[in-house]
Each structure stands twice: as structure tokens, then as C-alpha cells.
N, C-alpha and C. Protein backbone atom coordinates (compact mmCIF):
# COMPACT_ATOMS: atom_id res chain seq x y z
N MET A 1 22.80 -25.40 -42.14
CA MET A 1 21.66 -24.85 -42.30
C MET A 1 20.67 -24.71 -43.34
N THR A 2 19.08 -25.33 -42.68
CA THR A 2 18.44 -25.77 -43.65
C THR A 2 17.94 -24.38 -44.35
N ASN A 3 18.11 -24.06 -45.70
CA ASN A 3 17.66 -22.34 -46.20
C ASN A 3 15.64 -22.59 -46.24
N ILE A 4 15.11 -21.69 -46.53
CA ILE A 4 13.56 -21.24 -46.33
C ILE A 4 13.20 -22.03 -47.79
N SER A 5 12.54 -23.07 -47.77
CA SER A 5 12.33 -23.99 -48.35
C SER A 5 11.57 -23.43 -49.68
N GLN A 6 10.80 -24.70 -50.43
CA GLN A 6 9.62 -24.09 -51.80
C GLN A 6 8.37 -25.06 -51.26
N THR A 7 8.49 -26.06 -50.18
CA THR A 7 7.56 -26.80 -49.75
C THR A 7 6.13 -26.16 -49.32
N ALA A 8 5.14 -27.04 -49.08
CA ALA A 8 3.94 -26.63 -48.39
C ALA A 8 4.01 -25.27 -47.28
N ARG A 9 5.17 -25.59 -46.55
CA ARG A 9 5.46 -24.18 -45.69
C ARG A 9 6.52 -23.74 -45.74
N PRO A 10 6.78 -22.77 -46.94
CA PRO A 10 8.19 -22.34 -47.42
C PRO A 10 8.79 -21.60 -46.26
N HIS A 11 8.04 -21.12 -45.28
CA HIS A 11 8.74 -20.32 -44.31
C HIS A 11 9.13 -20.88 -42.99
N ALA A 12 8.98 -22.27 -43.19
CA ALA A 12 9.07 -22.74 -41.51
C ALA A 12 10.59 -23.60 -41.68
N ARG A 13 10.96 -23.45 -40.14
CA ARG A 13 12.16 -23.85 -39.72
C ARG A 13 13.39 -23.55 -40.87
N ALA A 14 13.42 -22.14 -40.98
CA ALA A 14 14.79 -21.68 -41.75
C ALA A 14 15.98 -21.78 -40.81
N PHE A 15 15.77 -22.10 -39.51
CA PHE A 15 16.95 -22.08 -39.22
C PHE A 15 17.29 -23.42 -38.24
N SER A 16 18.28 -24.47 -38.49
CA SER A 16 18.57 -25.37 -37.96
C SER A 16 20.08 -25.35 -37.09
N GLN A 17 20.16 -26.13 -36.57
CA GLN A 17 21.71 -25.95 -35.43
C GLN A 17 22.55 -26.02 -36.54
N PRO A 18 23.44 -25.11 -36.76
CA PRO A 18 24.40 -25.69 -37.78
C PRO A 18 25.97 -26.76 -37.48
N ASP A 19 26.44 -27.23 -38.18
CA ASP A 19 27.97 -27.84 -37.76
C ASP A 19 28.29 -27.12 -36.86
N PRO A 20 29.33 -27.31 -36.15
CA PRO A 20 30.06 -26.78 -35.05
C PRO A 20 30.93 -25.74 -35.82
N ALA A 21 31.03 -24.47 -35.79
CA ALA A 21 32.09 -23.61 -36.61
C ALA A 21 33.55 -23.77 -36.09
N PRO A 22 34.50 -24.19 -36.91
CA PRO A 22 35.92 -23.66 -36.44
C PRO A 22 35.81 -23.12 -35.44
N ASP A 23 37.03 -23.57 -34.00
CA ASP A 23 37.06 -22.44 -32.71
C ASP A 23 38.28 -22.01 -33.29
N ARG A 24 38.27 -20.72 -33.33
CA ARG A 24 38.87 -19.52 -33.53
C ARG A 24 39.72 -19.48 -32.39
N SER A 25 39.27 -19.76 -31.08
CA SER A 25 40.19 -18.81 -30.06
C SER A 25 40.59 -20.28 -29.22
N GLY A 26 40.50 -21.43 -29.92
CA GLY A 26 40.60 -22.69 -28.87
C GLY A 26 39.91 -22.47 -27.90
N PRO A 27 40.50 -23.74 -26.96
CA PRO A 27 39.73 -23.78 -25.50
C PRO A 27 39.36 -22.83 -24.35
N THR A 28 39.84 -21.51 -24.55
CA THR A 28 39.70 -20.37 -23.73
C THR A 28 38.77 -19.42 -23.87
N MET A 29 37.94 -19.97 -25.19
CA MET A 29 36.64 -18.89 -25.68
C MET A 29 36.07 -19.08 -24.69
N PRO A 30 35.57 -17.85 -23.78
CA PRO A 30 34.84 -17.82 -22.64
C PRO A 30 33.36 -18.23 -23.01
N THR A 31 32.77 -18.46 -22.06
CA THR A 31 31.36 -19.28 -21.86
C THR A 31 30.38 -18.05 -22.61
N ASN A 32 30.24 -17.52 -21.97
CA ASN A 32 28.94 -16.38 -22.56
C ASN A 32 29.32 -16.09 -24.06
N ILE A 33 30.56 -15.62 -24.27
CA ILE A 33 30.77 -15.43 -25.78
C ILE A 33 30.54 -16.52 -26.59
N ALA A 34 30.84 -17.72 -26.20
CA ALA A 34 30.62 -19.25 -27.19
C ALA A 34 28.99 -18.94 -27.50
N ALA A 35 28.53 -18.93 -26.10
CA ALA A 35 26.73 -18.92 -26.85
C ALA A 35 26.34 -17.99 -27.48
N LEU A 36 26.77 -16.36 -27.18
CA LEU A 36 26.20 -15.53 -28.28
C LEU A 36 26.73 -15.64 -29.81
N LEU A 37 28.09 -16.06 -29.88
CA LEU A 37 28.50 -16.45 -31.12
C LEU A 37 27.78 -17.50 -32.07
N TYR A 38 27.42 -18.41 -31.30
CA TYR A 38 26.55 -19.70 -31.92
C TYR A 38 25.21 -18.79 -32.52
N VAL A 39 24.36 -17.60 -31.77
CA VAL A 39 23.44 -16.86 -32.36
C VAL A 39 23.63 -15.92 -33.30
N VAL A 40 24.84 -15.57 -33.50
CA VAL A 40 24.99 -14.18 -34.07
C VAL A 40 25.92 -14.76 -35.45
N SER A 41 26.16 -15.83 -35.35
CA SER A 41 27.11 -16.42 -36.58
C SER A 41 26.15 -16.92 -37.27
N THR A 42 25.04 -17.56 -36.83
CA THR A 42 23.57 -18.37 -37.60
C THR A 42 23.06 -17.22 -38.26
N LEU A 43 22.56 -16.12 -37.44
CA LEU A 43 22.04 -14.93 -37.91
C LEU A 43 22.62 -14.52 -39.27
N LEU A 44 24.06 -14.45 -39.09
CA LEU A 44 24.67 -13.96 -40.35
C LEU A 44 24.77 -14.84 -41.18
N GLU A 45 24.88 -16.06 -41.19
CA GLU A 45 24.80 -16.99 -42.25
C GLU A 45 23.59 -16.82 -43.12
N PHE A 46 22.47 -16.85 -42.47
CA PHE A 46 21.14 -16.82 -43.00
C PHE A 46 21.12 -15.69 -43.90
N GLY A 47 21.25 -14.37 -42.96
CA GLY A 47 21.19 -12.97 -43.96
C GLY A 47 22.02 -13.35 -44.82
N ARG A 48 23.10 -13.26 -45.01
CA ARG A 48 24.26 -13.68 -46.07
C ARG A 48 23.30 -14.30 -47.56
N HIS A 49 22.98 -15.44 -46.69
CA HIS A 49 22.17 -16.48 -47.78
C HIS A 49 20.92 -15.99 -48.39
N LEU A 50 20.25 -15.39 -47.46
CA LEU A 50 19.06 -14.43 -48.33
C LEU A 50 19.48 -13.68 -49.23
N ALA A 51 20.09 -12.70 -48.69
CA ALA A 51 20.57 -11.51 -49.35
C ALA A 51 21.18 -11.81 -50.80
N ALA A 52 21.67 -13.30 -50.96
CA ALA A 52 22.45 -13.48 -51.94
C ALA A 52 21.55 -14.09 -53.08
N THR A 53 20.02 -14.56 -52.28
CA THR A 53 19.22 -15.48 -53.23
C THR A 53 17.87 -14.61 -53.27
N LEU A 54 18.19 -13.21 -53.22
CA LEU A 54 16.63 -12.61 -53.05
C LEU A 54 16.30 -12.18 -54.40
N GLU A 55 16.84 -11.85 -55.30
CA GLU A 55 16.37 -11.91 -56.67
C GLU A 55 15.67 -13.04 -57.08
N ARG A 56 16.03 -14.19 -56.91
CA ARG A 56 15.75 -15.28 -57.72
C ARG A 56 14.43 -16.04 -56.80
N ARG A 57 14.54 -15.03 -55.45
CA ARG A 57 13.26 -15.69 -54.75
C ARG A 57 12.37 -14.70 -55.01
N ALA A 58 12.51 -13.25 -55.48
CA ALA A 58 11.55 -12.32 -55.78
C ALA A 58 10.79 -12.94 -57.11
N ALA A 59 11.44 -13.55 -57.79
CA ALA A 59 10.70 -14.05 -59.25
C ALA A 59 9.99 -15.34 -58.91
N ALA A 60 10.08 -16.21 -57.89
CA ALA A 60 9.61 -17.50 -57.52
C ALA A 60 8.30 -17.57 -56.65
N ARG A 61 7.25 -18.34 -56.85
CA ARG A 61 6.30 -18.56 -56.15
C ARG A 61 6.52 -18.25 -54.70
N GLY A 62 5.50 -17.84 -53.66
CA GLY A 62 5.80 -17.84 -52.56
C GLY A 62 6.59 -16.82 -51.70
N PHE A 63 6.95 -15.86 -52.70
CA PHE A 63 7.61 -14.62 -52.44
C PHE A 63 7.16 -13.62 -51.33
N SER A 64 5.72 -13.81 -51.63
CA SER A 64 4.77 -12.93 -50.71
C SER A 64 4.89 -13.13 -49.55
N MET A 65 5.53 -14.26 -48.70
CA MET A 65 5.40 -14.66 -47.63
C MET A 65 6.52 -14.31 -47.07
N ILE A 66 7.63 -14.43 -47.74
CA ILE A 66 9.11 -13.59 -47.52
C ILE A 66 8.91 -12.16 -47.26
N ALA A 67 8.05 -11.32 -48.39
CA ALA A 67 7.99 -10.13 -48.51
C ALA A 67 7.12 -9.26 -47.22
N SER A 68 6.04 -10.29 -46.47
CA SER A 68 5.66 -10.42 -45.51
C SER A 68 6.43 -9.67 -44.39
N LEU A 69 7.49 -10.67 -44.05
CA LEU A 69 8.30 -10.35 -43.06
C LEU A 69 9.20 -8.74 -43.14
N PHE A 70 8.72 -8.18 -43.87
CA PHE A 70 9.46 -7.25 -44.15
C PHE A 70 8.28 -6.11 -44.53
N GLY A 71 7.08 -6.00 -44.18
CA GLY A 71 5.94 -5.13 -44.16
C GLY A 71 5.47 -5.08 -45.60
N ASN A 72 5.85 -6.35 -46.43
CA ASN A 72 5.57 -5.95 -48.13
C ASN A 72 6.15 -4.81 -49.02
N GLY A 73 7.22 -4.45 -48.23
CA GLY A 73 8.25 -3.12 -48.65
C GLY A 73 8.55 -3.44 -49.96
N PRO A 74 8.86 -2.80 -51.36
CA PRO A 74 9.28 -2.97 -52.43
C PRO A 74 10.90 -3.80 -51.97
N LEU A 75 11.17 -4.25 -53.08
CA LEU A 75 12.12 -5.08 -52.70
C LEU A 75 13.67 -4.23 -52.56
N PRO A 76 13.85 -2.85 -53.11
CA PRO A 76 14.80 -2.20 -52.72
C PRO A 76 14.99 -1.74 -50.93
N VAL A 77 13.53 -1.91 -50.29
CA VAL A 77 13.87 -1.95 -49.12
C VAL A 77 13.99 -3.16 -48.17
N ILE A 78 13.69 -3.96 -48.83
CA ILE A 78 13.79 -5.58 -48.13
C ILE A 78 15.75 -5.54 -48.39
N ARG A 79 15.91 -5.30 -49.34
CA ARG A 79 17.50 -5.32 -49.74
C ARG A 79 18.27 -4.78 -48.87
N ALA A 80 17.58 -3.30 -48.27
CA ALA A 80 18.29 -2.50 -47.47
C ALA A 80 18.35 -2.76 -45.97
N HIS A 81 16.93 -3.38 -46.06
CA HIS A 81 16.80 -4.29 -44.40
C HIS A 81 17.99 -5.62 -44.06
N LEU A 82 17.85 -6.28 -45.03
CA LEU A 82 19.26 -7.02 -45.01
C LEU A 82 20.58 -6.80 -45.09
N HIS A 83 20.94 -5.60 -45.64
CA HIS A 83 22.22 -5.02 -45.65
C HIS A 83 22.76 -4.67 -44.31
N ARG A 84 21.54 -3.88 -43.33
CA ARG A 84 21.95 -3.29 -42.14
C ARG A 84 22.08 -4.31 -41.13
N GLY A 85 21.21 -5.34 -41.54
CA GLY A 85 21.21 -6.64 -40.72
C GLY A 85 22.60 -7.27 -40.74
N ILE A 86 22.95 -7.34 -41.78
CA ILE A 86 24.28 -8.17 -42.10
C ILE A 86 25.15 -7.31 -41.57
N LEU A 87 25.27 -5.71 -41.40
CA LEU A 87 26.77 -5.46 -41.18
C LEU A 87 26.14 -5.60 -39.81
N ARG A 88 25.20 -5.24 -39.02
CA ARG A 88 25.27 -5.36 -37.53
C ARG A 88 25.63 -6.73 -36.72
N ALA A 89 25.39 -7.89 -37.77
CA ALA A 89 25.68 -9.19 -37.26
C ALA A 89 27.25 -9.45 -37.23
N THR A 90 27.64 -8.63 -38.39
CA THR A 90 29.11 -8.67 -39.25
C THR A 90 29.92 -8.02 -37.63
N ALA A 91 29.40 -6.50 -37.20
CA ALA A 91 30.22 -5.85 -36.27
C ALA A 91 29.95 -6.53 -34.86
N LEU A 92 29.04 -6.91 -34.64
CA LEU A 92 28.70 -7.88 -33.15
C LEU A 92 29.86 -8.94 -33.11
N GLU A 93 29.65 -9.81 -34.51
CA GLU A 93 30.31 -10.92 -33.97
C GLU A 93 32.27 -10.50 -34.06
N THR A 94 32.42 -9.38 -35.02
CA THR A 94 33.78 -9.10 -34.77
C THR A 94 34.17 -8.51 -33.24
N MET A 95 33.20 -7.85 -32.68
CA MET A 95 33.34 -7.61 -31.45
C MET A 95 33.45 -8.72 -30.32
N LEU A 96 32.94 -9.48 -30.57
CA LEU A 96 32.54 -10.74 -29.90
C LEU A 96 34.09 -11.68 -29.78
N HIS A 97 34.56 -11.49 -31.20
CA HIS A 97 35.53 -12.24 -31.29
C HIS A 97 37.08 -11.29 -30.56
N ASN A 98 37.01 -10.27 -30.99
CA ASN A 98 38.02 -9.56 -30.52
C ASN A 98 37.96 -9.24 -28.75
N ARG A 99 36.77 -9.27 -28.07
CA ARG A 99 36.76 -9.37 -26.67
C ARG A 99 37.16 -11.03 -25.91
N ALA A 100 36.82 -11.92 -26.82
CA ALA A 100 37.51 -13.41 -26.76
C ALA A 100 38.91 -13.19 -26.55
N ALA A 101 39.54 -12.95 -27.64
CA ALA A 101 40.89 -12.69 -27.95
C ALA A 101 41.43 -12.02 -26.64
N ALA A 102 40.76 -10.80 -26.48
CA ALA A 102 41.47 -9.98 -25.13
C ALA A 102 41.28 -10.79 -23.99
N GLY A 103 40.79 -12.01 -23.56
CA GLY A 103 40.59 -12.69 -22.16
C GLY A 103 39.35 -11.94 -21.54
N CYS A 104 38.00 -11.51 -22.39
CA CYS A 104 37.05 -11.23 -22.03
C CYS A 104 35.96 -11.70 -22.02
N ASP A 105 34.95 -11.92 -21.16
CA ASP A 105 33.56 -12.34 -21.61
C ASP A 105 32.79 -11.19 -21.38
N VAL A 106 31.26 -11.50 -21.39
CA VAL A 106 30.46 -10.73 -21.48
C VAL A 106 29.40 -10.87 -20.26
N ALA A 107 29.09 -10.02 -19.14
CA ALA A 107 28.40 -10.18 -18.34
C ALA A 107 26.98 -10.26 -18.66
N MET A 108 26.30 -11.15 -17.91
CA MET A 108 24.85 -11.27 -17.96
C MET A 108 24.28 -9.84 -17.28
N SER A 109 23.08 -9.40 -17.84
CA SER A 109 22.56 -8.58 -16.96
C SER A 109 21.18 -9.08 -16.46
N ASN A 110 20.65 -10.33 -16.91
CA ASN A 110 19.70 -10.91 -16.36
C ASN A 110 19.48 -12.67 -16.69
N PRO A 111 20.68 -12.73 -15.45
CA PRO A 111 20.81 -14.22 -15.57
C PRO A 111 19.64 -15.04 -15.33
N CYS A 112 18.65 -14.89 -14.84
CA CYS A 112 17.84 -15.84 -13.98
C CYS A 112 16.79 -16.05 -15.52
N ALA A 113 16.89 -15.59 -16.68
CA ALA A 113 16.31 -15.63 -18.01
C ALA A 113 16.51 -17.03 -18.34
N LEU A 114 17.83 -17.51 -17.85
CA LEU A 114 18.40 -18.92 -18.19
C LEU A 114 17.62 -20.37 -17.91
N SER A 115 16.89 -19.53 -16.32
CA SER A 115 16.15 -20.67 -15.38
C SER A 115 15.02 -21.31 -16.36
N GLY A 116 14.60 -21.00 -18.04
CA GLY A 116 13.48 -21.83 -18.11
C GLY A 116 13.60 -21.53 -19.64
N ARG A 117 12.93 -22.22 -20.43
CA ARG A 117 12.20 -21.90 -22.02
C ARG A 117 11.49 -20.75 -21.99
N ILE A 118 11.14 -20.53 -23.06
CA ILE A 118 10.28 -19.39 -23.58
C ILE A 118 8.89 -19.76 -22.85
N VAL A 119 7.87 -18.68 -22.23
CA VAL A 119 6.98 -19.01 -21.91
C VAL A 119 5.47 -19.02 -22.12
N ASN A 120 5.86 -18.13 -23.15
CA ASN A 120 4.73 -17.72 -23.97
C ASN A 120 4.47 -18.47 -25.39
N ALA A 121 3.42 -19.17 -25.35
CA ALA A 121 2.94 -20.08 -26.18
C ALA A 121 3.28 -19.22 -27.51
N GLU A 122 3.00 -17.96 -28.28
CA GLU A 122 2.84 -17.34 -29.22
C GLU A 122 3.99 -17.21 -29.72
N ASP A 123 5.00 -17.16 -28.50
CA ASP A 123 6.49 -17.50 -28.97
C ASP A 123 7.45 -18.35 -29.21
N ASP A 124 6.60 -19.59 -29.23
CA ASP A 124 7.10 -20.80 -29.30
C ASP A 124 7.15 -21.40 -31.08
N PRO A 125 8.64 -21.94 -31.43
CA PRO A 125 8.81 -22.01 -32.77
C PRO A 125 7.73 -23.21 -33.29
N GLU A 126 6.91 -23.92 -32.35
CA GLU A 126 5.79 -24.93 -32.94
C GLU A 126 4.69 -24.82 -32.53
N THR A 127 4.37 -23.62 -31.68
CA THR A 127 2.74 -23.52 -31.50
C THR A 127 2.42 -22.02 -31.95
N GLY A 128 3.55 -21.12 -32.05
CA GLY A 128 3.12 -19.75 -32.69
C GLY A 128 2.52 -19.55 -34.04
N SER A 129 1.85 -18.50 -34.44
CA SER A 129 1.18 -18.60 -35.60
C SER A 129 2.04 -17.35 -36.29
N PHE A 130 2.43 -17.85 -37.67
CA PHE A 130 3.23 -16.95 -38.79
C PHE A 130 2.69 -15.47 -39.04
N ASN A 131 1.73 -15.76 -39.08
CA ASN A 131 0.74 -14.23 -39.29
C ASN A 131 0.73 -13.46 -38.19
N SER A 132 0.78 -13.65 -36.91
CA SER A 132 0.50 -13.17 -35.74
C SER A 132 2.16 -12.28 -35.36
N GLN A 133 3.29 -13.72 -35.49
CA GLN A 133 4.31 -13.00 -35.26
C GLN A 133 4.82 -12.19 -36.23
N THR A 134 4.66 -12.34 -37.49
CA THR A 134 5.20 -11.43 -38.23
C THR A 134 4.31 -9.92 -38.20
N ALA A 135 3.08 -9.82 -37.76
CA ALA A 135 2.63 -8.87 -37.43
C ALA A 135 3.18 -7.68 -36.25
N ARG A 136 3.44 -8.57 -35.65
CA ARG A 136 4.15 -7.92 -34.12
C ARG A 136 5.48 -7.38 -34.75
N MET A 137 6.33 -8.05 -35.30
CA MET A 137 7.63 -7.96 -35.56
C MET A 137 7.48 -6.76 -36.39
N VAL A 138 6.71 -6.70 -37.54
CA VAL A 138 6.13 -5.38 -38.30
C VAL A 138 6.21 -4.25 -37.21
N ALA A 139 5.10 -4.10 -36.67
CA ALA A 139 5.11 -3.28 -35.45
C ALA A 139 6.23 -2.81 -34.66
N GLU A 140 6.63 -3.88 -34.32
CA GLU A 140 8.01 -3.74 -33.25
C GLU A 140 9.18 -2.86 -34.26
N ARG A 141 9.06 -3.22 -35.60
CA ARG A 141 10.23 -2.94 -36.03
C ARG A 141 9.74 -0.90 -36.40
N ALA A 142 8.70 -0.64 -36.84
CA ALA A 142 8.43 0.54 -37.20
C ALA A 142 8.11 1.50 -35.75
N ALA A 143 8.18 0.77 -34.62
CA ALA A 143 8.30 1.42 -33.32
C ALA A 143 9.78 1.48 -32.72
N HIS A 144 10.57 1.09 -33.41
CA HIS A 144 11.92 0.56 -32.76
C HIS A 144 13.13 0.91 -33.61
N ASP A 145 12.99 1.21 -34.85
CA ASP A 145 13.85 1.01 -35.64
C ASP A 145 13.98 2.17 -36.53
N ALA A 146 15.04 2.65 -36.96
CA ALA A 146 15.38 4.07 -37.80
C ALA A 146 14.64 3.62 -38.89
N PRO A 147 14.44 4.50 -39.76
CA PRO A 147 13.56 4.24 -40.95
C PRO A 147 14.42 3.98 -41.49
N ILE A 148 14.53 2.88 -42.61
CA ILE A 148 15.55 2.66 -43.59
C ILE A 148 15.54 3.69 -45.00
N ASP A 149 16.58 3.79 -45.34
CA ASP A 149 16.97 4.52 -46.74
C ASP A 149 17.54 3.97 -47.79
N PRO A 150 16.81 2.95 -48.68
CA PRO A 150 17.90 2.25 -49.44
C PRO A 150 19.02 3.13 -50.65
N GLY A 151 18.65 4.43 -50.57
CA GLY A 151 19.55 5.22 -51.44
C GLY A 151 20.64 5.60 -50.68
N ASN A 152 20.35 5.49 -48.90
CA ASN A 152 21.64 5.74 -48.43
C ASN A 152 22.13 4.85 -47.22
N PRO A 153 22.62 3.84 -47.67
CA PRO A 153 22.70 2.63 -46.81
C PRO A 153 23.73 3.32 -45.60
N PRO A 154 23.86 2.51 -44.53
CA PRO A 154 24.87 2.82 -43.32
C PRO A 154 25.81 2.37 -43.61
N SER A 155 27.16 3.05 -43.13
CA SER A 155 28.47 2.48 -43.70
C SER A 155 28.79 1.30 -42.31
N LEU A 156 29.81 0.57 -42.42
CA LEU A 156 30.15 -0.37 -41.17
C LEU A 156 30.61 0.51 -40.47
N ALA A 157 31.19 1.57 -40.43
CA ALA A 157 32.17 2.32 -39.45
C ALA A 157 30.56 2.87 -38.57
N ARG A 158 29.46 3.27 -39.04
CA ARG A 158 28.59 3.93 -38.28
C ARG A 158 27.90 2.84 -37.72
N ILE A 159 27.97 1.63 -38.15
CA ILE A 159 27.22 0.37 -37.73
C ILE A 159 27.93 -0.09 -36.07
N GLU A 160 29.33 0.00 -36.52
CA GLU A 160 30.17 -0.57 -35.38
C GLU A 160 30.12 0.42 -34.29
N ALA A 161 29.91 1.57 -34.50
CA ALA A 161 29.94 2.40 -33.17
C ALA A 161 28.36 2.39 -32.76
N GLU A 162 27.92 2.42 -33.64
CA GLU A 162 26.13 1.63 -33.08
C GLU A 162 26.28 0.59 -31.94
N VAL A 163 27.01 -0.59 -32.59
CA VAL A 163 26.71 -1.85 -31.93
C VAL A 163 27.52 -1.73 -30.63
N ARG A 164 29.08 -0.77 -30.29
CA ARG A 164 29.54 -0.56 -29.43
C ARG A 164 28.66 -0.03 -28.37
N SER A 165 27.99 0.72 -28.93
CA SER A 165 26.99 2.05 -27.88
C SER A 165 25.31 1.10 -27.29
N ARG A 166 25.33 0.13 -27.55
CA ARG A 166 24.20 -0.45 -27.37
C ARG A 166 24.22 -1.74 -26.58
N PRO A 167 23.18 -2.36 -25.84
CA PRO A 167 23.62 -3.49 -24.99
C PRO A 167 23.54 -4.55 -26.15
N ILE A 168 24.16 -5.50 -26.12
CA ILE A 168 24.05 -7.01 -26.93
C ILE A 168 22.79 -7.46 -27.39
N GLY A 169 22.15 -7.77 -26.24
CA GLY A 169 20.78 -8.38 -26.35
C GLY A 169 19.72 -7.42 -27.41
N ARG A 170 19.84 -5.67 -27.08
CA ARG A 170 18.77 -5.37 -27.86
C ARG A 170 19.43 -5.03 -29.69
N THR A 171 21.13 -5.49 -29.76
CA THR A 171 21.51 -5.64 -31.19
C THR A 171 21.02 -6.69 -31.71
N ILE A 172 20.75 -7.63 -30.86
CA ILE A 172 20.73 -9.05 -31.56
C ILE A 172 19.10 -8.99 -31.79
N ALA A 173 18.33 -8.01 -31.27
CA ALA A 173 16.65 -8.02 -31.41
C ALA A 173 16.62 -7.29 -32.76
N ASP A 174 17.80 -6.15 -33.16
CA ASP A 174 17.48 -5.14 -34.01
C ASP A 174 18.10 -5.93 -35.29
N ILE A 175 18.82 -7.15 -35.19
CA ILE A 175 19.51 -8.05 -36.44
C ILE A 175 18.18 -8.90 -36.58
N CYS A 176 17.51 -9.51 -35.63
CA CYS A 176 16.35 -10.16 -35.87
C CYS A 176 15.33 -9.39 -36.78
N ARG A 177 15.08 -8.29 -36.48
CA ARG A 177 13.85 -7.48 -36.97
C ARG A 177 14.60 -7.34 -38.49
N ASP A 178 15.74 -6.66 -38.96
CA ASP A 178 16.23 -6.37 -40.02
C ASP A 178 16.29 -7.82 -40.80
N LEU A 179 16.69 -8.80 -40.52
CA LEU A 179 16.87 -9.97 -41.57
C LEU A 179 15.35 -10.83 -41.33
N GLY A 180 14.47 -10.33 -40.63
CA GLY A 180 12.88 -10.68 -40.73
C GLY A 180 12.96 -12.03 -40.09
N VAL A 181 13.31 -12.17 -39.01
CA VAL A 181 13.66 -13.42 -38.19
C VAL A 181 12.22 -13.64 -36.99
N ILE A 182 11.48 -14.63 -37.20
CA ILE A 182 10.57 -14.37 -36.06
C ILE A 182 10.63 -16.21 -35.61
N PRO A 183 9.98 -16.32 -34.49
CA PRO A 183 10.19 -17.88 -34.03
C PRO A 183 9.88 -19.06 -34.85
N PHE A 184 8.63 -18.70 -35.51
CA PHE A 184 7.89 -19.48 -36.50
C PHE A 184 9.26 -20.19 -37.38
N LEU A 185 10.26 -19.12 -37.79
CA LEU A 185 11.57 -19.40 -38.92
C LEU A 185 12.14 -20.56 -38.46
N CYS A 186 12.35 -20.67 -36.87
CA CYS A 186 13.34 -21.18 -36.12
C CYS A 186 13.08 -22.70 -35.68
N THR A 187 14.54 -23.23 -35.62
CA THR A 187 14.19 -24.80 -34.31
C THR A 187 14.09 -24.46 -33.14
N ARG A 188 13.69 -25.18 -32.29
CA ARG A 188 13.33 -24.67 -31.11
C ARG A 188 14.98 -24.21 -30.32
N THR A 189 15.78 -25.00 -30.82
CA THR A 189 17.26 -25.07 -30.47
C THR A 189 17.85 -23.84 -30.71
N PHE A 190 17.29 -23.25 -31.64
CA PHE A 190 18.25 -21.92 -32.08
C PHE A 190 17.27 -20.79 -31.26
N TRP A 191 15.96 -20.94 -31.48
CA TRP A 191 15.29 -19.62 -31.05
C TRP A 191 15.10 -19.56 -29.58
N ASP A 192 15.25 -20.87 -29.03
CA ASP A 192 15.44 -20.69 -27.51
C ASP A 192 16.74 -19.60 -27.14
N ALA A 193 18.19 -20.14 -28.01
CA ALA A 193 19.19 -19.49 -27.68
C ALA A 193 19.22 -17.98 -28.24
N ALA A 194 18.53 -17.61 -29.28
CA ALA A 194 18.50 -16.30 -29.37
C ALA A 194 17.27 -15.75 -28.44
N PHE A 195 16.52 -16.41 -28.20
CA PHE A 195 15.54 -15.58 -27.02
C PHE A 195 16.48 -15.40 -25.65
N ARG A 196 17.24 -16.32 -25.06
CA ARG A 196 17.98 -15.91 -24.28
C ARG A 196 19.09 -14.62 -24.46
N ALA A 197 19.55 -14.95 -25.69
CA ALA A 197 20.70 -13.69 -25.83
C ALA A 197 19.95 -12.38 -25.76
N MET A 198 18.66 -12.20 -25.94
CA MET A 198 17.88 -11.24 -26.06
C MET A 198 17.48 -10.61 -25.04
N VAL A 199 17.36 -11.58 -23.69
CA VAL A 199 17.03 -11.25 -22.43
C VAL A 199 17.94 -11.15 -21.75
N CYS A 200 18.84 -12.22 -21.71
CA CYS A 200 20.15 -12.48 -20.38
C CYS A 200 21.20 -10.78 -21.00
N TYR A 201 20.95 -10.35 -21.99
CA TYR A 201 21.69 -9.33 -22.19
C TYR A 201 21.25 -8.08 -22.81
N GLU A 202 20.22 -7.90 -22.17
CA GLU A 202 19.07 -6.67 -22.42
C GLU A 202 19.69 -5.49 -22.02
N SER A 203 20.51 -5.70 -21.11
CA SER A 203 21.11 -4.10 -21.05
C SER A 203 22.67 -4.48 -20.25
N SER A 204 23.50 -5.24 -20.96
CA SER A 204 24.77 -5.76 -20.62
C SER A 204 25.94 -4.82 -20.80
N ASP A 205 26.51 -4.31 -20.01
CA ASP A 205 27.80 -3.09 -20.30
C ASP A 205 28.65 -4.18 -20.85
N LEU A 206 29.56 -3.57 -21.24
CA LEU A 206 30.76 -4.10 -21.87
C LEU A 206 32.13 -4.41 -20.96
N ASN A 207 31.86 -4.30 -19.75
CA ASN A 207 33.06 -4.39 -19.23
C ASN A 207 33.66 -5.85 -19.01
N CYS A 208 34.91 -5.82 -18.70
CA CYS A 208 35.33 -7.54 -19.03
C CYS A 208 34.92 -8.12 -17.44
N SER A 209 34.29 -9.60 -17.62
CA SER A 209 33.74 -10.52 -16.24
C SER A 209 34.83 -11.64 -16.30
């Protein structure tokens, strides 16, 4: 995966398609879970890398571009968002692997979303505006997410309970906001997969299918 670079467009294409991960469950991995794991594992890899390099990036030119993804909040607030996003991705990844091991897939709530790619040009990784996508994500974070408290980070147990109680698509949207992920940062391949995951599983239950 290509990290956020320090080129003329340091925020561009933070996500590229990773090498195929080792198949933990062999050829019986359920189809829908396999597609979801691609999205969640890629987000988790990115979140961990950004968290591990945050201090160095904060001292480098161009950090304001990263900070804008988090509403230009102070470093402890950015770190707290990354921490929560990583916990959410870890909990969801574990839940999906456990369901696959039990022989369960996840049913789509909106399979019609698979019929095409993103139709809104503003949400397209290749045509959308970084500034407008960032502004919209910051507004959505304020509207939908619980305020982050750097001095009182959530426990993994609390996040696991949250993930079990929420539709998968909404959890993936939560993770994207916590990690500061917008379409402009992504390859088309990855964002198409992430967008489908958020829409197709927007209200999925967790019954075996």
C-alpha cells in the first residue's frame, strides 16, 4: 500500500490495492466476508501506519493537509481519532473472521448497490475535490460521531460491543471518518469497494446467510 507521500500532492492515493493477504480460512471463505475483509484490512493497515508515523509527520511540511482531515484539531485529538478507528477496524475484522470460521456469511441489505460504480462525481477519487470532500467529512463527523476525548480513550471491549450492535456498513463509515479517509485519498479500486461496503451493508443484520 502506498502511504501518504510528500510529493506535490501528498494527500493523493493513500490507498492502493495491497498484495493479497494470506487466506486464513482457506477456500471456504464466504464471498461477502472476503470482500468486506479487503476493505477493513486495508483501512486497518493504513490507520496503523498513520498512527505510527504521526509524530514525524506533524513536524514535516504538509502536515496541515493531514490535520485538515481532522478539522485541524490538536495532535492529541487526531491521535485519539486514529486510536478509535483502529479499534473499530480491529473489532470488525475479528468479528468477520469469527463468522467465517463458523461458516456464516453476511447478508447484504441493499444488493442493488452492486449494479454500478459511484455516480456522484464529487465522490469519485479521480474527479472529486480534496477540500470539498474534507469539509463534508468534518461536518459528517460532527453530526454522527460521539465527541472524542483524548484523556478517556474507549476500551476494546466497549468498541467490540458497539461494532456488534451496529450495521457493518455504518461501522465502516465510522472507521473512515476516524481515520480521515476520503475518496480523494484512494484508488478507484479501493474506494469502489469501500463505497459498496458502506451502501450494501448499511442496515445488515448479523444472521447467518
